[in-house]
Amino acid sequence: ATCRVKYYRKRDRPDIAHEWDKVRRQIPSCDVT
């Protein structure tokens, strides 16, 4: 998800980057298992 956010920001697509950022915020950054 982080890679997608960076990718669409570089492609000047802030709307899609924002959606992926919302997805990223709902995912734990570390592997809890």
PDB file of all heavy atoms in Angstrom:
ATOM      1  N   ALA A   1       0.833  -1.203   0.000  1.00  0.00           N
ATOM      2  CA  ALA A   1       0.000   0.000   0.000  1.00  0.00           C
ATOM      3  C   ALA A   1       0.868   1.253   0.000  1.00  0.00           C
ATOM      4  O   ALA A   1       0.554   2.247  -0.679  1.00  0.00           O
ATOM      5  CB  ALA A   1      -0.923  -0.012   1.222  1.00  0.00           C
ATOM      6  N   THR A   2       1.981   1.235   0.736  1.00  0.00           N
ATOM      7  CA  THR A   2       2.891   2.384   0.787  1.00  0.00           C
ATOM      8  C   THR A   2       3.499   2.656  -0.582  1.00  0.00           C
ATOM      9  O   THR A   2       3.619   3.816  -1.012  1.00  0.00           O
ATOM     10  CB  THR A   2       4.005   2.138   1.829  1.00  0.00           C
ATOM     11  OG1 THR A   2       3.420   1.916   3.106  1.00  0.00           O
ATOM     12  CG2 THR A   2       4.955   3.328   1.907  1.00  0.00           C
ATOM     13  N   CYS A   3       3.872   1.585  -1.270  1.00  0.00           N
ATOM     14  CA  CYS A   3       4.433   1.736  -2.625  1.00  0.00           C
ATOM     15  C   CYS A   3       3.406   2.343  -3.579  1.00  0.00           C
ATOM     16  O   CYS A   3       3.745   3.189  -4.428  1.00  0.00           O
ATOM     17  CB  CYS A   3       4.904   0.384  -3.153  1.00  0.00           C
ATOM     18  SG  CYS A   3       6.376  -0.248  -2.326  1.00  0.00           S
ATOM     19  N   ARG A   4       2.138   1.935  -3.453  1.00  0.00           N
ATOM     20  CA  ARG A   4       1.084   2.490  -4.308  1.00  0.00           C
ATOM     21  C   ARG A   4       0.901   3.975  -4.031  1.00  0.00           C
ATOM     22  O   ARG A   4       0.705   4.772  -4.972  1.00  0.00           O
ATOM     23  CB  ARG A   4      -0.235   1.752  -4.051  1.00  0.00           C
ATOM     24  CG  ARG A   4      -0.219   0.287  -4.486  1.00  0.00           C
ATOM     25  CD  ARG A   4      -0.110   0.136  -5.989  1.00  0.00           C
ATOM     26  NE  ARG A   4      -0.093  -1.239  -6.414  1.00  0.00           N
ATOM     27  CZ  ARG A   4      -1.169  -1.936  -6.743  1.00  0.00           C
ATOM     28  NH1 ARG A   4      -2.367  -1.384  -6.691  1.00  0.00           N
ATOM     29  NH2 ARG A   4      -1.051  -3.191  -7.139  1.00  0.00           N
ATOM     30  N   VAL A   5       0.944   4.358  -2.752  1.00  0.00           N
ATOM     31  CA  VAL A   5       0.804   5.781  -2.405  1.00  0.00           C
ATOM     32  C   VAL A   5       1.920   6.595  -3.062  1.00  0.00           C
ATOM     33  O   VAL A   5       1.675   7.638  -3.689  1.00  0.00           O
ATOM     34  CB  VAL A   5       0.833   5.971  -0.871  1.00  0.00           C
ATOM     35  CG1 VAL A   5       0.917   7.459  -0.513  1.00  0.00           C
ATOM     36  CG2 VAL A   5      -0.399   5.347  -0.231  1.00  0.00           C
ATOM     37  N   LYS A   6       3.145   6.132  -2.947  1.00  0.00           N
ATOM     38  CA  LYS A   6       4.286   6.847  -3.535  1.00  0.00           C
ATOM     39  C   LYS A   6       4.192   6.875  -5.062  1.00  0.00           C
ATOM     40  O   LYS A   6       4.502   7.898  -5.699  1.00  0.00           O
ATOM     41  CB  LYS A   6       5.590   6.175  -3.097  1.00  0.00           C
ATOM     42  CG  LYS A   6       5.895   6.314  -1.617  1.00  0.00           C
ATOM     43  CD  LYS A   6       7.194   5.607  -1.262  1.00  0.00           C
ATOM     44  CE  LYS A   6       7.522   5.779   0.210  1.00  0.00           C
ATOM     45  NZ  LYS A   6       8.773   5.068   0.591  1.00  0.00           N
ATOM     46  N   TYR A   7       3.770   5.750  -5.633  1.00  0.00           N
ATOM     47  CA  TYR A   7       3.682   5.646  -7.094  1.00  0.00           C
ATOM     48  C   TYR A   7       2.712   6.681  -7.663  1.00  0.00           C
ATOM     49  O   TYR A   7       3.044   7.423  -8.599  1.00  0.00           O
ATOM     50  CB  TYR A   7       3.248   4.231  -7.484  1.00  0.00           C
ATOM     51  CG  TYR A   7       3.006   4.050  -8.951  1.00  0.00           C
ATOM     52  CD1 TYR A   7       4.067   3.800  -9.822  1.00  0.00           C
ATOM     53  CD2 TYR A   7       1.701   4.119  -9.471  1.00  0.00           C
ATOM     54  CE1 TYR A   7       3.841   3.648 -11.185  1.00  0.00           C
ATOM     55  CE2 TYR A   7       1.474   3.951 -10.817  1.00  0.00           C
ATOM     56  CZ  TYR A   7       2.550   3.715 -11.680  1.00  0.00           C
ATOM     57  OH  TYR A   7       2.307   3.556 -13.015  1.00  0.00           O
ATOM     58  N   TYR A   8       1.506   6.766  -7.093  1.00  0.00           N
ATOM     59  CA  TYR A   8       0.492   7.683  -7.634  1.00  0.00           C
ATOM     60  C   TYR A   8       0.786   9.135  -7.299  1.00  0.00           C
ATOM     61  O   TYR A   8       0.364  10.031  -8.022  1.00  0.00           O
ATOM     62  CB  TYR A   8      -0.884   7.277  -7.139  1.00  0.00           C
ATOM     63  CG  TYR A   8      -1.409   6.039  -7.841  1.00  0.00           C
ATOM     64  CD1 TYR A   8      -1.539   4.824  -7.175  1.00  0.00           C
ATOM     65  CD2 TYR A   8      -1.754   6.081  -9.189  1.00  0.00           C
ATOM     66  CE1 TYR A   8      -1.989   3.694  -7.820  1.00  0.00           C
ATOM     67  CE2 TYR A   8      -2.210   4.946  -9.861  1.00  0.00           C
ATOM     68  CZ  TYR A   8      -2.324   3.756  -9.165  1.00  0.00           C
ATOM     69  OH  TYR A   8      -2.766   2.638  -9.830  1.00  0.00           O
ATOM     70  N   ARG A   9       1.523   9.387  -6.219  1.00  0.00           N
ATOM     71  CA  ARG A   9       1.929  10.756  -5.942  1.00  0.00           C
ATOM     72  C   ARG A   9       2.932  11.231  -6.996  1.00  0.00           C
ATOM     73  O   ARG A   9       2.880  12.391  -7.428  1.00  0.00           O
ATOM     74  CB  ARG A   9       2.543  10.854  -4.535  1.00  0.00           C
ATOM     75  CG  ARG A   9       1.499  10.884  -3.419  1.00  0.00           C
ATOM     76  CD  ARG A   9       2.138  10.903  -2.051  1.00  0.00           C
ATOM     77  NE  ARG A   9       1.141  10.978  -0.983  1.00  0.00           N
ATOM     78  CZ  ARG A   9       1.417  10.811   0.300  1.00  0.00           C
ATOM     79  NH1 ARG A   9       2.668  10.550   0.670  1.00  0.00           N
ATOM     80  NH2 ARG A   9       0.450  10.895   1.196  1.00  0.00           N
ATOM     81  N   LYS A  10       3.841  10.339  -7.403  1.00  0.00           N
ATOM     82  CA  LYS A  10       4.809  10.699  -8.443  1.00  0.00           C
ATOM     83  C   LYS A  10       4.120  10.901  -9.794  1.00  0.00           C
ATOM     84  O   LYS A  10       4.601  11.682 -10.620  1.00  0.00           O
ATOM     85  CB  LYS A  10       5.875   9.604  -8.563  1.00  0.00           C
ATOM     86  CG  LYS A  10       6.857   9.577  -7.407  1.00  0.00           C
ATOM     87  CD  LYS A  10       7.917   8.497  -7.619  1.00  0.00           C
ATOM     88  CE  LYS A  10       8.919   8.490  -6.484  1.00  0.00           C
ATOM     89  NZ  LYS A  10       9.961   7.431  -6.664  1.00  0.00           N
ATOM     90  N   ARG A  11       3.029  10.170 -10.002  1.00  0.00           N
ATOM     91  CA  ARG A  11       2.295  10.286 -11.268  1.00  0.00           C
ATOM     92  C   ARG A  11       1.275  11.430 -11.216  1.00  0.00           C
ATOM     93  O   ARG A  11       0.456  11.571 -12.126  1.00  0.00           O
ATOM     94  CB  ARG A  11       1.561   8.979 -11.583  1.00  0.00           C
ATOM     95  CG  ARG A  11       2.475   7.785 -11.848  1.00  0.00           C
ATOM     96  CD  ARG A  11       3.337   8.000 -13.088  1.00  0.00           C
ATOM     97  NE  ARG A  11       4.137   6.850 -13.428  1.00  0.00           N
ATOM     98  CZ  ARG A  11       5.307   6.569 -12.898  1.00  0.00           C
ATOM     99  NH1 ARG A  11       5.830   7.368 -11.970  1.00  0.00           N
ATOM    100  NH2 ARG A  11       5.979   5.505 -13.274  1.00  0.00           N
ATOM    101  N   ASP A  12       1.375  12.230 -10.136  1.00  0.00           N
ATOM    102  CA  ASP A  12       0.470  13.379  -9.971  1.00  0.00           C
ATOM    103  C   ASP A  12      -1.000  12.952  -9.965  1.00  0.00           C
ATOM    104  O   ASP A  12      -1.852  13.574 -10.606  1.00  0.00           O
ATOM    105  CB  ASP A  12       0.717  14.415 -11.084  1.00  0.00           C
ATOM    106  CG  ASP A  12       0.151  15.781 -10.693  1.00  0.00           C
ATOM    107  OD1 ASP A  12      -0.040  16.009  -9.473  1.00  0.00           O
ATOM    108  OD2 ASP A  12      -0.124  16.580 -11.597  1.00  0.00           O
ATOM    109  N   ARG A  13      -1.283  11.878  -9.269  1.00  0.00           N
ATOM    110  CA  ARG A  13      -2.653  11.407  -9.085  1.00  0.00           C
ATOM    111  C   ARG A  13      -2.982  11.406  -7.591  1.00  0.00           C
ATOM    112  O   ARG A  13      -3.089  10.360  -6.942  1.00  0.00           O
ATOM    113  CB  ARG A  13      -2.822  10.002  -9.665  1.00  0.00           C
ATOM    114  CG  ARG A  13      -2.620   9.912 -11.184  1.00  0.00           C
ATOM    115  CD  ARG A  13      -3.664  10.743 -11.933  1.00  0.00           C
ATOM    116  NE  ARG A  13      -5.025  10.364 -11.587  1.00  0.00           N
ATOM    117  CZ  ARG A  13      -5.711   9.410 -12.199  1.00  0.00           C
ATOM    118  NH1 ARG A  13      -5.145   8.722 -13.184  1.00  0.00           N
ATOM    119  NH2 ARG A  13      -6.956   9.153 -11.860  1.00  0.00           N
ATOM    120  N   PRO A  14      -3.150  12.597  -6.998  1.00  0.00           N
ATOM    121  CA  PRO A  14      -3.367  12.677  -5.543  1.00  0.00           C
ATOM    122  C   PRO A  14      -4.658  11.993  -5.094  1.00  0.00           C
ATOM    123  O   PRO A  14      -4.745  11.529  -3.957  1.00  0.00           O
ATOM    124  CB  PRO A  14      -3.409  14.181  -5.275  1.00  0.00           C
ATOM    125  CG  PRO A  14      -3.775  14.789  -6.587  1.00  0.00           C
ATOM    126  CD  PRO A  14      -3.150  13.930  -7.628  1.00  0.00           C
ATOM    127  N   ASP A  15      -5.691  11.954  -5.966  1.00  0.00           N
ATOM    128  CA  ASP A  15      -6.952  11.327  -5.577  1.00  0.00           C
ATOM    129  C   ASP A  15      -6.769   9.827  -5.325  1.00  0.00           C
ATOM    130  O   ASP A  15      -7.236   9.285  -4.306  1.00  0.00           O
ATOM    131  CB  ASP A  15      -8.004  11.567  -6.664  1.00  0.00           C
ATOM    132  CG  ASP A  15      -7.503  11.181  -8.060  1.00  0.00           C
ATOM    133  OD1 ASP A  15      -6.264  11.137  -8.259  1.00  0.00           O
ATOM    134  OD2 ASP A  15      -8.341  10.893  -8.923  1.00  0.00           O
ATOM    135  N   ILE A  16      -6.069   9.149  -6.238  1.00  0.00           N
ATOM    136  CA  ILE A  16      -5.838   7.703  -6.061  1.00  0.00           C
ATOM    137  C   ILE A  16      -4.851   7.462  -4.913  1.00  0.00           C
ATOM    138  O   ILE A  16      -5.022   6.527  -4.124  1.00  0.00           O
ATOM    139  CB  ILE A  16      -5.304   7.083  -7.365  1.00  0.00           C
ATOM    140  CG1 ILE A  16      -6.290   7.306  -8.510  1.00  0.00           C
ATOM    141  CG2 ILE A  16      -5.053   5.591  -7.173  1.00  0.00           C
ATOM    142  CD1 ILE A  16      -5.816   6.762  -9.838  1.00  0.00           C
ATOM    143  N   ALA A  17      -3.835   8.328  -4.806  1.00  0.00           N
ATOM    144  CA  ALA A  17      -2.862   8.200  -3.711  1.00  0.00           C
ATOM    145  C   ALA A  17      -3.564   8.334  -2.353  1.00  0.00           C
ATOM    146  O   ALA A  17      -3.248   7.611  -1.388  1.00  0.00           O
ATOM    147  CB  ALA A  17      -1.773   9.262  -3.845  1.00  0.00           C
ATOM    148  N   HIS A  18      -4.563   9.249  -2.289  1.00  0.00           N
ATOM    149  CA  HIS A  18      -5.310   9.448  -1.043  1.00  0.00           C
ATOM    150  C   HIS A  18      -6.102   8.189  -0.682  1.00  0.00           C
ATOM    151  O   HIS A  18      -6.173   7.808   0.501  1.00  0.00           O
ATOM    152  CB  HIS A  18      -6.239  10.649  -1.202  1.00  0.00           C
ATOM    153  CG  HIS A  18      -7.058  10.922   0.028  1.00  0.00           C
ATOM    154  ND1 HIS A  18      -6.508  11.363   1.206  1.00  0.00           N
ATOM    155  CD2 HIS A  18      -8.407  10.795   0.246  1.00  0.00           C
ATOM    156  CE1 HIS A  18      -7.468  11.497   2.107  1.00  0.00           C
ATOM    157  NE2 HIS A  18      -8.622  11.164   1.538  1.00  0.00           N
ATOM    158  N   GLU A  19      -6.707   7.549  -1.666  1.00  0.00           N
ATOM    159  CA  GLU A  19      -7.475   6.326  -1.414  1.00  0.00           C
ATOM    160  C   GLU A  19      -6.575   5.210  -0.897  1.00  0.00           C
ATOM    161  O   GLU A  19      -6.938   4.475   0.028  1.00  0.00           O
ATOM    162  CB  GLU A  19      -8.191   5.888  -2.698  1.00  0.00           C
ATOM    163  CG  GLU A  19      -9.298   6.822  -3.148  1.00  0.00           C
ATOM    164  CD  GLU A  19     -10.380   6.968  -2.100  1.00  0.00           C
ATOM    165  OE1 GLU A  19     -10.739   5.935  -1.480  1.00  0.00           O
ATOM    166  OE2 GLU A  19     -10.856   8.098  -1.881  1.00  0.00           O
ATOM    167  N   TRP A  20      -5.400   5.098  -1.524  1.00  0.00           N
ATOM    168  CA  TRP A  20      -4.472   4.070  -1.063  1.00  0.00           C
ATOM    169  C   TRP A  20      -3.920   4.400   0.336  1.00  0.00           C
ATOM    170  O   TRP A  20      -3.629   3.501   1.135  1.00  0.00           O
ATOM    171  CB  TRP A  20      -3.311   3.911  -2.047  1.00  0.00           C
ATOM    172  CG  TRP A  20      -3.618   2.949  -3.145  1.00  0.00           C
ATOM    173  CD1 TRP A  20      -3.888   3.225  -4.455  1.00  0.00           C
ATOM    174  CD2 TRP A  20      -3.715   1.524  -3.010  1.00  0.00           C
ATOM    175  NE1 TRP A  20      -4.150   2.079  -5.153  1.00  0.00           N
ATOM    176  CE2 TRP A  20      -4.043   0.995  -4.285  1.00  0.00           C
ATOM    177  CE3 TRP A  20      -3.557   0.636  -1.956  1.00  0.00           C
ATOM    178  CZ2 TRP A  20      -4.225  -0.361  -4.520  1.00  0.00           C
ATOM    179  CZ3 TRP A  20      -3.726  -0.719  -2.186  1.00  0.00           C
ATOM    180  CH2 TRP A  20      -4.059  -1.221  -3.449  1.00  0.00           C
ATOM    181  N   ASP A  21      -3.801   5.679   0.633  1.00  0.00           N
ATOM    182  CA  ASP A  21      -3.330   6.085   1.971  1.00  0.00           C
ATOM    183  C   ASP A  21      -4.354   5.685   3.034  1.00  0.00           C
ATOM    184  O   ASP A  21      -3.990   5.269   4.144  1.00  0.00           O
ATOM    185  CB  ASP A  21      -3.087   7.597   2.005  1.00  0.00           C
ATOM    186  CG  ASP A  21      -2.370   8.021   3.268  1.00  0.00           C
ATOM    187  OD1 ASP A  21      -1.446   7.293   3.704  1.00  0.00           O
ATOM    188  OD2 ASP A  21      -2.735   9.055   3.848  1.00  0.00           O
ATOM    189  N   LYS A  22      -5.658   5.801   2.701  1.00  0.00           N
ATOM    190  CA  LYS A  22      -6.704   5.373   3.640  1.00  0.00           C
ATOM    191  C   LYS A  22      -6.645   3.867   3.857  1.00  0.00           C
ATOM    192  O   LYS A  22      -6.848   3.388   4.974  1.00  0.00           O
ATOM    193  CB  LYS A  22      -8.086   5.796   3.119  1.00  0.00           C
ATOM    194  CG  LYS A  22      -8.338   7.298   3.204  1.00  0.00           C
ATOM    195  CD  LYS A  22      -9.808   7.643   3.057  1.00  0.00           C
ATOM    196  CE  LYS A  22     -10.323   7.302   1.670  1.00  0.00           C
ATOM    197  NZ  LYS A  22     -11.744   7.733   1.503  1.00  0.00           N
ATOM    198  N   VAL A  23      -6.356   3.137   2.788  1.00  0.00           N
ATOM    199  CA  VAL A  23      -6.206   1.681   2.917  1.00  0.00           C
ATOM    200  C   VAL A  23      -5.014   1.351   3.822  1.00  0.00           C
ATOM    201  O   VAL A  23      -5.087   0.485   4.713  1.00  0.00           O
ATOM    202  CB  VAL A  23      -6.032   1.033   1.533  1.00  0.00           C
ATOM    203  CG1 VAL A  23      -5.663  -0.445   1.676  1.00  0.00           C
ATOM    204  CG2 VAL A  23      -7.296   1.192   0.699  1.00  0.00           C
ATOM    205  N   ARG A  24      -3.916   2.076   3.613  1.00  0.00           N
ATOM    206  CA  ARG A  24      -2.693   1.820   4.380  1.00  0.00           C
ATOM    207  C   ARG A  24      -2.909   2.064   5.872  1.00  0.00           C
ATOM    208  O   ARG A  24      -2.379   1.334   6.718  1.00  0.00           O
ATOM    209  CB  ARG A  24      -1.566   2.717   3.859  1.00  0.00           C
ATOM    210  CG  ARG A  24      -0.249   2.507   4.597  1.00  0.00           C
ATOM    211  CD  ARG A  24       0.857   3.360   4.033  1.00  0.00           C
ATOM    212  NE  ARG A  24       0.582   4.787   4.144  1.00  0.00           N
ATOM    213  CZ  ARG A  24       1.480   5.736   3.893  1.00  0.00           C
ATOM    214  NH1 ARG A  24       2.699   5.390   3.477  1.00  0.00           N
ATOM    215  NH2 ARG A  24       1.168   7.012   4.002  1.00  0.00           N
ATOM    216  N   ARG A  25      -3.682   3.078   6.206  1.00  0.00           N
ATOM    217  CA  ARG A  25      -3.923   3.421   7.605  1.00  0.00           C
ATOM    218  C   ARG A  25      -4.698   2.334   8.350  1.00  0.00           C
ATOM    219  O   ARG A  25      -4.695   2.290   9.581  1.00  0.00           O
ATOM    220  CB  ARG A  25      -4.661   4.751   7.716  1.00  0.00           C
ATOM    221  CG  ARG A  25      -3.824   5.957   7.297  1.00  0.00           C
ATOM    222  CD  ARG A  25      -4.659   7.220   7.283  1.00  0.00           C
ATOM    223  NE  ARG A  25      -3.901   8.353   6.782  1.00  0.00           N
ATOM    224  CZ  ARG A  25      -3.149   9.151   7.538  1.00  0.00           C
ATOM    225  NH1 ARG A  25      -3.052   8.901   8.840  1.00  0.00           N
ATOM    226  NH2 ARG A  25      -2.491  10.168   7.016  1.00  0.00           N
ATOM    227  N   GLN A  26      -5.390   1.494   7.618  1.00  0.00           N
ATOM    228  CA  GLN A  26      -6.165   0.427   8.244  1.00  0.00           C
ATOM    229  C   GLN A  26      -5.385  -0.881   8.361  1.00  0.00           C
ATOM    230  O   GLN A  26      -5.911  -1.876   8.866  1.00  0.00           O
ATOM    231  CB  GLN A  26      -7.447   0.188   7.434  1.00  0.00           C
ATOM    232  CG  GLN A  26      -8.384   1.395   7.403  1.00  0.00           C
ATOM    233  CD  GLN A  26      -9.583   1.173   6.489  1.00  0.00           C
ATOM    234  OE1 GLN A  26      -9.716   0.124   5.877  1.00  0.00           O
ATOM    235  NE2 GLN A  26     -10.449   2.174   6.416  1.00  0.00           N
ATOM    236  N   ILE A  27      -4.132  -0.865   7.908  1.00  0.00           N
ATOM    237  CA  ILE A  27      -3.311  -2.070   7.933  1.00  0.00           C
ATOM    238  C   ILE A  27      -2.172  -1.882   8.938  1.00  0.00           C
ATOM    239  O   ILE A  27      -1.514  -0.835   8.929  1.00  0.00           O
ATOM    240  CB  ILE A  27      -2.714  -2.354   6.522  1.00  0.00           C
ATOM    241  CG1 ILE A  27      -3.821  -2.498   5.487  1.00  0.00           C
ATOM    242  CG2 ILE A  27      -1.843  -3.603   6.545  1.00  0.00           C
ATOM    243  CD1 ILE A  27      -3.291  -2.579   4.062  1.00  0.00           C
ATOM    244  N   PRO A  28      -1.905  -2.860   9.796  1.00  0.00           N
ATOM    245  CA  PRO A  28      -0.749  -2.755  10.707  1.00  0.00           C
ATOM    246  C   PRO A  28       0.543  -2.649   9.915  1.00  0.00           C
ATOM    247  O   PRO A  28       0.738  -3.366   8.932  1.00  0.00           O
ATOM    248  CB  PRO A  28      -0.794  -4.059  11.501  1.00  0.00           C
ATOM    249  CG  PRO A  28      -2.185  -4.583  11.342  1.00  0.00           C
ATOM    250  CD  PRO A  28      -2.663  -4.111   9.995  1.00  0.00           C
ATOM    251  N   SER A  29       1.418  -1.746  10.320  1.00  0.00           N
ATOM    252  CA  SER A  29       2.679  -1.568   9.599  1.00  0.00           C
ATOM    253  C   SER A  29       3.629  -2.747   9.811  1.00  0.00           C
ATOM    254  O   SER A  29       4.490  -3.011   8.965  1.00  0.00           O
ATOM    255  CB  SER A  29       3.369  -0.279  10.039  1.00  0.00           C
ATOM    256  OG  SER A  29       3.692  -0.332  11.410  1.00  0.00           O
ATOM    257  N   CYS A  30       3.460  -3.464  10.928  1.00  0.00           N
ATOM    258  CA  CYS A  30       4.313  -4.611  11.221  1.00  0.00           C
ATOM    259  C   CYS A  30       3.490  -5.885  11.235  1.00  0.00           C
ATOM    260  O   CYS A  30       2.274  -5.866  11.420  1.00  0.00           O
ATOM    261  CB  CYS A  30       5.012  -4.431  12.566  1.00  0.00           C
ATOM    262  SG  CYS A  30       6.128  -3.019  12.624  1.00  0.00           S
ATOM    263  N   ASP A  31       4.161  -6.994  11.058  1.00  0.00           N
ATOM    264  CA  ASP A  31       3.512  -8.301  11.056  1.00  0.00           C
ATOM    265  C   ASP A  31       3.261  -8.725  12.500  1.00  0.00           C
ATOM    266  O   ASP A  31       4.191  -9.099  13.229  1.00  0.00           O
ATOM    267  CB  ASP A  31       4.411  -9.317  10.352  1.00  0.00           C
ATOM    268  CG  ASP A  31       3.751 -10.683  10.232  1.00  0.00           C
ATOM    269  OD1 ASP A  31       2.606 -10.825  10.721  1.00  0.00           O
ATOM    270  OD2 ASP A  31       4.374 -11.599   9.669  1.00  0.00           O
ATOM    271  N   VAL A  32       2.008  -8.657  12.947  1.00  0.00           N
ATOM    272  CA  VAL A  32       1.681  -8.968  14.341  1.00  0.00           C
ATOM    273  C   VAL A  32       1.837 -10.450  14.646  1.00  0.00           C
ATOM    274  O   VAL A  32       1.827 -10.859  15.816  1.00  0.00           O
ATOM    275  CB  VAL A  32       0.240  -8.512  14.680  1.00  0.00           C
ATOM    276  CG1 VAL A  32       0.134  -6.995  14.598  1.00  0.00           C
ATOM    277  CG2 VAL A  32      -0.778  -9.176  13.772  1.00  0.00           C
ATOM    278  N   THR A  33       1.969 -11.286  13.627  1.00  0.00           N
ATOM    279  CA  THR A  33       2.155 -12.732  13.827  1.00  0.00           C
ATOM    280  C   THR A  33       3.603 -13.162  13.609  1.00  0.00           C
ATOM    281  O   THR A  33       3.867 -14.345  13.447  1.00  0.00           O
ATOM    282  CB  THR A  33       1.231 -13.523  12.879  1.00  0.00           C
ATOM    283  OG1 THR A  33       1.580 -13.225  11.519  1.00  0.00           O
ATOM    284  CG2 THR A  33      -0.234 -13.163  13.119  1.00  0.00           C
TER     285      THR A  33
END
